[in-house]
């Protein structure tokens, strides 16, 4: 454990470690790091694009104060509590954009 930050590094399997960095409250960002055999001869650990994407999504969720929706088929959907039926002539505030899914 890194005492000043509370970050921890955990062995996940023969080629991966997990870096967990506490952020706010009980929330943390977790980054999976690939450690190839070449590290023993001077190679570098790698964070794959998929692992970086997962970590950044989690970080954005913490920054937004919520969990982010799962992306399925290239789209993320969320239903907001502000949504309600409006008549076609009722103006919609540009700040409160609601979509029904």
N, C-alpha and C. Protein backbone atom coordinates (compact mmCIF):
# COMPACT_ATOMS: atom_id res chain seq x y z
N UNK A 1 0.85 -1.19 0.00
CA UNK A 1 0.00 0.00 0.00
C UNK A 1 0.89 1.25 0.00
N UNK A 2 0.46 2.24 -0.76
CA UNK A 2 1.15 3.52 -0.80
C UNK A 2 0.48 4.41 0.24
N UNK A 3 1.14 4.61 1.36
CA UNK A 3 0.53 5.29 2.52
C UNK A 3 -0.06 6.68 2.21
N UNK A 4 0.63 7.55 1.49
CA UNK A 4 0.05 8.89 1.26
C UNK A 4 -1.27 8.88 0.48
N UNK A 5 -1.43 7.92 -0.46
CA UNK A 5 -2.64 7.92 -1.29
C UNK A 5 -3.60 6.79 -0.97
N UNK A 6 -3.11 5.73 -0.34
CA UNK A 6 -3.94 4.56 -0.09
C UNK A 6 -4.01 3.62 -1.29
N UNK A 7 -3.25 3.91 -2.34
CA UNK A 7 -3.25 3.06 -3.54
C UNK A 7 -2.65 1.70 -3.22
N UNK A 8 -3.19 0.68 -3.86
CA UNK A 8 -2.68 -0.68 -3.67
C UNK A 8 -2.44 -1.34 -5.02
N UNK A 9 -1.51 -2.26 -5.05
CA UNK A 9 -1.17 -3.03 -6.24
C UNK A 9 -1.36 -4.50 -5.88
N UNK A 10 -2.20 -5.19 -6.64
CA UNK A 10 -2.54 -6.57 -6.33
C UNK A 10 -2.25 -7.46 -7.54
N UNK A 11 -1.64 -8.61 -7.32
CA UNK A 11 -1.41 -9.57 -8.40
C UNK A 11 -2.74 -10.21 -8.74
N UNK A 12 -3.12 -10.13 -10.03
CA UNK A 12 -4.38 -10.71 -10.49
C UNK A 12 -4.17 -12.10 -11.09
N UNK A 13 -3.11 -12.24 -11.87
CA UNK A 13 -2.73 -13.53 -12.46
C UNK A 13 -1.28 -13.43 -12.92
N UNK A 14 -0.82 -14.39 -13.73
CA UNK A 14 0.59 -14.42 -14.15
C UNK A 14 1.01 -13.22 -14.97
N UNK A 15 0.08 -12.53 -15.64
CA UNK A 15 0.44 -11.42 -16.51
C UNK A 15 -0.21 -10.09 -16.15
N UNK A 16 -0.98 -10.03 -15.06
CA UNK A 16 -1.71 -8.80 -14.74
C UNK A 16 -1.64 -8.45 -13.26
N UNK A 17 -1.57 -7.14 -13.02
CA UNK A 17 -1.72 -6.62 -11.66
C UNK A 17 -2.85 -5.60 -11.69
N UNK A 18 -3.43 -5.35 -10.56
CA UNK A 18 -4.49 -4.36 -10.45
C UNK A 18 -4.03 -3.21 -9.57
N UNK A 19 -4.11 -2.00 -10.09
CA UNK A 19 -3.80 -0.81 -9.33
C UNK A 19 -5.11 -0.18 -8.90
N UNK A 20 -5.32 -0.06 -7.59
CA UNK A 20 -6.56 0.53 -7.06
C UNK A 20 -6.19 1.83 -6.34
N UNK A 21 -6.79 2.93 -6.82
CA UNK A 21 -6.50 4.23 -6.24
C UNK A 21 -7.79 4.80 -5.65
N UNK A 22 -7.86 4.97 -4.32
CA UNK A 22 -9.06 5.54 -3.70
C UNK A 22 -9.27 6.98 -4.17
N UNK A 23 -10.54 7.35 -4.39
CA UNK A 23 -10.83 8.70 -4.86
C UNK A 23 -11.66 9.48 -3.86
N UNK A 24 -12.91 9.11 -3.71
CA UNK A 24 -13.82 9.84 -2.82
C UNK A 24 -14.69 8.85 -2.07
N UNK A 25 -14.75 8.99 -0.77
CA UNK A 25 -15.57 8.08 0.02
C UNK A 25 -15.10 6.65 -0.19
N UNK A 26 -16.04 5.78 -0.54
CA UNK A 26 -15.68 4.38 -0.78
C UNK A 26 -15.43 4.09 -2.25
N UNK A 27 -15.34 5.12 -3.06
CA UNK A 27 -15.11 4.96 -4.49
C UNK A 27 -13.62 4.96 -4.80
N UNK A 28 -13.28 4.21 -5.86
CA UNK A 28 -11.88 4.11 -6.28
C UNK A 28 -11.85 3.85 -7.78
N UNK A 29 -10.74 4.14 -8.39
CA UNK A 29 -10.53 3.76 -9.78
C UNK A 29 -9.59 2.57 -9.77
N UNK A 30 -9.92 1.58 -10.59
CA UNK A 30 -9.09 0.38 -10.67
C UNK A 30 -8.57 0.26 -12.09
N UNK A 31 -7.26 0.07 -12.21
CA UNK A 31 -6.61 -0.03 -13.51
C UNK A 31 -5.91 -1.38 -13.60
N UNK A 32 -6.25 -2.15 -14.61
CA UNK A 32 -5.59 -3.44 -14.83
C UNK A 32 -4.36 -3.19 -15.68
N UNK A 33 -3.21 -3.64 -15.21
CA UNK A 33 -1.94 -3.42 -15.90
C UNK A 33 -1.40 -4.78 -16.35
N UNK A 34 -1.06 -4.85 -17.63
CA UNK A 34 -0.47 -6.07 -18.19
C UNK A 34 1.04 -5.99 -17.98
N UNK A 35 1.59 -7.04 -17.39
CA UNK A 35 3.04 -7.10 -17.11
C UNK A 35 3.61 -8.28 -17.91
N UNK A 36 4.10 -8.00 -19.14
CA UNK A 36 4.63 -9.09 -19.96
C UNK A 36 5.94 -9.62 -19.41
N UNK A 37 6.31 -10.81 -19.86
CA UNK A 37 7.56 -11.43 -19.41
C UNK A 37 8.77 -10.55 -19.70
N UNK A 38 8.69 -9.72 -20.73
CA UNK A 38 9.82 -8.87 -21.11
C UNK A 38 10.16 -7.82 -20.05
N UNK A 39 9.29 -7.62 -19.07
CA UNK A 39 9.56 -6.65 -17.99
C UNK A 39 10.83 -7.05 -17.23
N UNK A 40 11.07 -8.35 -17.12
CA UNK A 40 12.26 -8.80 -16.38
C UNK A 40 13.56 -8.44 -17.08
N UNK A 41 13.49 -8.09 -18.38
CA UNK A 41 14.70 -7.71 -19.11
C UNK A 41 14.63 -6.26 -19.60
N UNK A 42 13.82 -5.45 -18.94
CA UNK A 42 13.76 -4.04 -19.28
C UNK A 42 12.52 -3.59 -20.03
N UNK A 43 11.63 -4.51 -20.34
CA UNK A 43 10.38 -4.14 -21.01
C UNK A 43 9.48 -3.34 -20.08
N UNK A 44 8.44 -2.77 -20.64
CA UNK A 44 7.55 -1.90 -19.85
C UNK A 44 6.18 -2.55 -19.65
N UNK A 45 5.58 -2.32 -18.48
CA UNK A 45 4.19 -2.73 -18.27
C UNK A 45 3.29 -1.96 -19.25
N UNK A 46 2.13 -2.52 -19.54
CA UNK A 46 1.23 -1.94 -20.53
C UNK A 46 -0.19 -1.84 -19.97
N UNK A 47 -0.86 -0.75 -20.27
CA UNK A 47 -2.29 -0.64 -20.01
C UNK A 47 -2.95 -0.69 -21.37
N UNK A 48 -3.73 -1.76 -21.63
CA UNK A 48 -4.36 -1.90 -22.94
C UNK A 48 -5.44 -0.85 -23.13
N UNK A 49 -5.84 -0.65 -24.37
CA UNK A 49 -6.89 0.33 -24.66
C UNK A 49 -8.18 -0.03 -23.93
N UNK A 50 -8.52 -1.30 -23.91
CA UNK A 50 -9.75 -1.73 -23.23
C UNK A 50 -9.67 -1.47 -21.73
N UNK A 51 -8.52 -1.75 -21.13
CA UNK A 51 -8.36 -1.52 -19.69
C UNK A 51 -8.35 -0.03 -19.37
N UNK A 52 -7.74 0.78 -20.24
CA UNK A 52 -7.75 2.24 -20.04
C UNK A 52 -9.17 2.78 -20.16
N UNK A 53 -9.93 2.27 -21.14
CA UNK A 53 -11.31 2.69 -21.34
C UNK A 53 -12.15 2.39 -20.10
N UNK A 54 -12.00 1.20 -19.56
CA UNK A 54 -12.76 0.82 -18.36
C UNK A 54 -12.40 1.70 -17.17
N UNK A 55 -11.12 1.98 -17.00
CA UNK A 55 -10.68 2.82 -15.88
C UNK A 55 -11.18 4.26 -16.03
N UNK A 56 -11.12 4.80 -17.24
CA UNK A 56 -11.57 6.18 -17.47
C UNK A 56 -13.09 6.29 -17.30
N UNK A 57 -13.83 5.27 -17.71
CA UNK A 57 -15.28 5.29 -17.51
C UNK A 57 -15.61 5.32 -16.02
N UNK A 58 -14.89 4.52 -15.24
CA UNK A 58 -15.10 4.52 -13.79
C UNK A 58 -14.74 5.86 -13.18
N UNK A 59 -13.65 6.44 -13.64
CA UNK A 59 -13.22 7.75 -13.14
C UNK A 59 -14.25 8.83 -13.47
N UNK A 60 -14.78 8.81 -14.68
CA UNK A 60 -15.81 9.78 -15.06
C UNK A 60 -17.06 9.61 -14.22
N UNK A 61 -17.40 8.36 -13.92
CA UNK A 61 -18.56 8.11 -13.08
C UNK A 61 -18.41 8.71 -11.70
N UNK A 62 -17.23 8.60 -11.14
CA UNK A 62 -16.96 9.19 -9.83
C UNK A 62 -17.02 10.71 -9.93
N UNK A 63 -16.43 11.26 -10.98
CA UNK A 63 -16.44 12.72 -11.16
C UNK A 63 -17.86 13.24 -11.34
N UNK A 64 -18.70 12.45 -11.99
CA UNK A 64 -20.09 12.87 -12.21
C UNK A 64 -20.96 12.59 -11.00
N UNK A 65 -20.42 11.88 -10.02
CA UNK A 65 -21.18 11.58 -8.81
C UNK A 65 -22.19 10.48 -8.99
N UNK A 66 -21.97 9.64 -9.97
CA UNK A 66 -22.92 8.56 -10.23
C UNK A 66 -22.24 7.42 -10.96
N UNK A 67 -22.97 6.36 -11.13
CA UNK A 67 -22.51 5.25 -11.96
C UNK A 67 -22.85 5.59 -13.40
N UNK A 68 -21.96 5.27 -14.32
CA UNK A 68 -22.24 5.49 -15.72
C UNK A 68 -22.97 4.28 -16.29
N UNK A 69 -23.85 4.50 -17.26
CA UNK A 69 -24.56 3.37 -17.85
C UNK A 69 -23.61 2.53 -18.70
N UNK A 70 -23.94 1.27 -18.87
CA UNK A 70 -23.15 0.37 -19.69
C UNK A 70 -23.38 0.70 -21.16
N UNK A 71 -22.32 0.66 -21.94
CA UNK A 71 -22.44 0.89 -23.38
C UNK A 71 -22.77 -0.44 -24.04
N UNK A 72 -23.87 -0.46 -24.79
CA UNK A 72 -24.29 -1.66 -25.51
C UNK A 72 -24.51 -1.26 -26.96
N UNK A 73 -23.87 -1.99 -27.86
CA UNK A 73 -23.97 -1.72 -29.30
C UNK A 73 -23.65 -0.27 -29.62
N UNK A 74 -22.64 0.29 -28.93
CA UNK A 74 -22.18 1.63 -29.22
C UNK A 74 -22.99 2.76 -28.62
N UNK A 75 -23.95 2.44 -27.74
CA UNK A 75 -24.77 3.50 -27.15
C UNK A 75 -24.99 3.23 -25.67
N UNK A 76 -25.04 4.30 -24.90
CA UNK A 76 -25.36 4.22 -23.47
C UNK A 76 -26.71 4.88 -23.27
N UNK A 77 -27.58 4.25 -22.51
CA UNK A 77 -28.91 4.80 -22.29
C UNK A 77 -29.14 5.00 -20.79
N UNK A 78 -29.81 6.10 -20.48
CA UNK A 78 -30.15 6.40 -19.10
C UNK A 78 -31.52 7.09 -19.10
N UNK A 79 -32.32 6.75 -18.12
CA UNK A 79 -33.61 7.41 -17.97
C UNK A 79 -33.49 8.39 -16.83
N UNK A 80 -33.80 9.64 -17.10
CA UNK A 80 -33.68 10.69 -16.10
C UNK A 80 -35.01 10.91 -15.40
N UNK A 81 -34.94 11.26 -14.13
CA UNK A 81 -36.16 11.52 -13.36
C UNK A 81 -36.92 12.73 -13.84
N UNK A 82 -36.30 13.60 -14.63
CA UNK A 82 -36.97 14.82 -15.08
C UNK A 82 -37.90 14.55 -16.25
N UNK A 83 -37.84 13.36 -16.80
CA UNK A 83 -38.64 13.08 -18.00
C UNK A 83 -40.12 12.94 -17.65
N UNK A 84 -40.94 13.58 -18.44
CA UNK A 84 -42.38 13.42 -18.33
C UNK A 84 -42.98 13.78 -19.68
N UNK A 85 -44.16 13.33 -19.91
CA UNK A 85 -44.81 13.60 -21.19
C UNK A 85 -45.03 15.10 -21.37
N UNK A 86 -44.72 15.58 -22.54
CA UNK A 86 -44.95 16.99 -22.88
C UNK A 86 -45.75 17.02 -24.18
N UNK A 87 -46.50 18.06 -24.34
CA UNK A 87 -47.20 18.23 -25.61
C UNK A 87 -46.18 18.69 -26.64
N UNK A 88 -46.43 18.45 -27.93
CA UNK A 88 -45.46 18.85 -28.96
C UNK A 88 -45.20 20.35 -28.99
N UNK A 89 -46.08 21.15 -28.42
CA UNK A 89 -45.89 22.61 -28.45
C UNK A 89 -45.22 23.14 -27.20
N UNK A 90 -45.02 22.29 -26.20
CA UNK A 90 -44.37 22.74 -24.96
C UNK A 90 -42.87 22.85 -25.19
N UNK A 91 -42.29 24.02 -24.97
CA UNK A 91 -40.84 24.14 -25.17
C UNK A 91 -40.08 23.33 -24.12
N UNK A 92 -38.96 22.81 -24.53
CA UNK A 92 -38.09 22.03 -23.64
C UNK A 92 -36.87 22.88 -23.32
N UNK A 93 -36.56 22.98 -22.05
CA UNK A 93 -35.37 23.74 -21.63
C UNK A 93 -34.14 23.09 -22.23
N UNK A 94 -33.20 23.88 -22.78
CA UNK A 94 -31.98 23.29 -23.34
C UNK A 94 -31.10 22.66 -22.29
N UNK A 95 -31.32 22.98 -21.03
CA UNK A 95 -30.51 22.42 -19.95
C UNK A 95 -31.01 21.03 -19.56
N UNK A 96 -32.30 20.80 -19.70
CA UNK A 96 -32.89 19.53 -19.28
C UNK A 96 -33.32 18.74 -20.50
N UNK A 97 -32.41 17.99 -21.05
CA UNK A 97 -32.70 17.17 -22.22
C UNK A 97 -33.07 15.79 -21.72
N UNK A 98 -34.26 15.34 -22.07
CA UNK A 98 -34.73 14.03 -21.61
C UNK A 98 -35.06 13.17 -22.82
N UNK A 99 -34.66 11.91 -22.74
CA UNK A 99 -35.00 10.95 -23.79
C UNK A 99 -35.61 9.73 -23.15
N UNK A 100 -36.64 9.27 -23.72
CA UNK A 100 -37.23 8.01 -23.25
C UNK A 100 -36.55 6.87 -23.98
N UNK A 101 -36.25 5.81 -23.24
CA UNK A 101 -35.62 4.66 -23.89
C UNK A 101 -36.58 3.50 -23.92
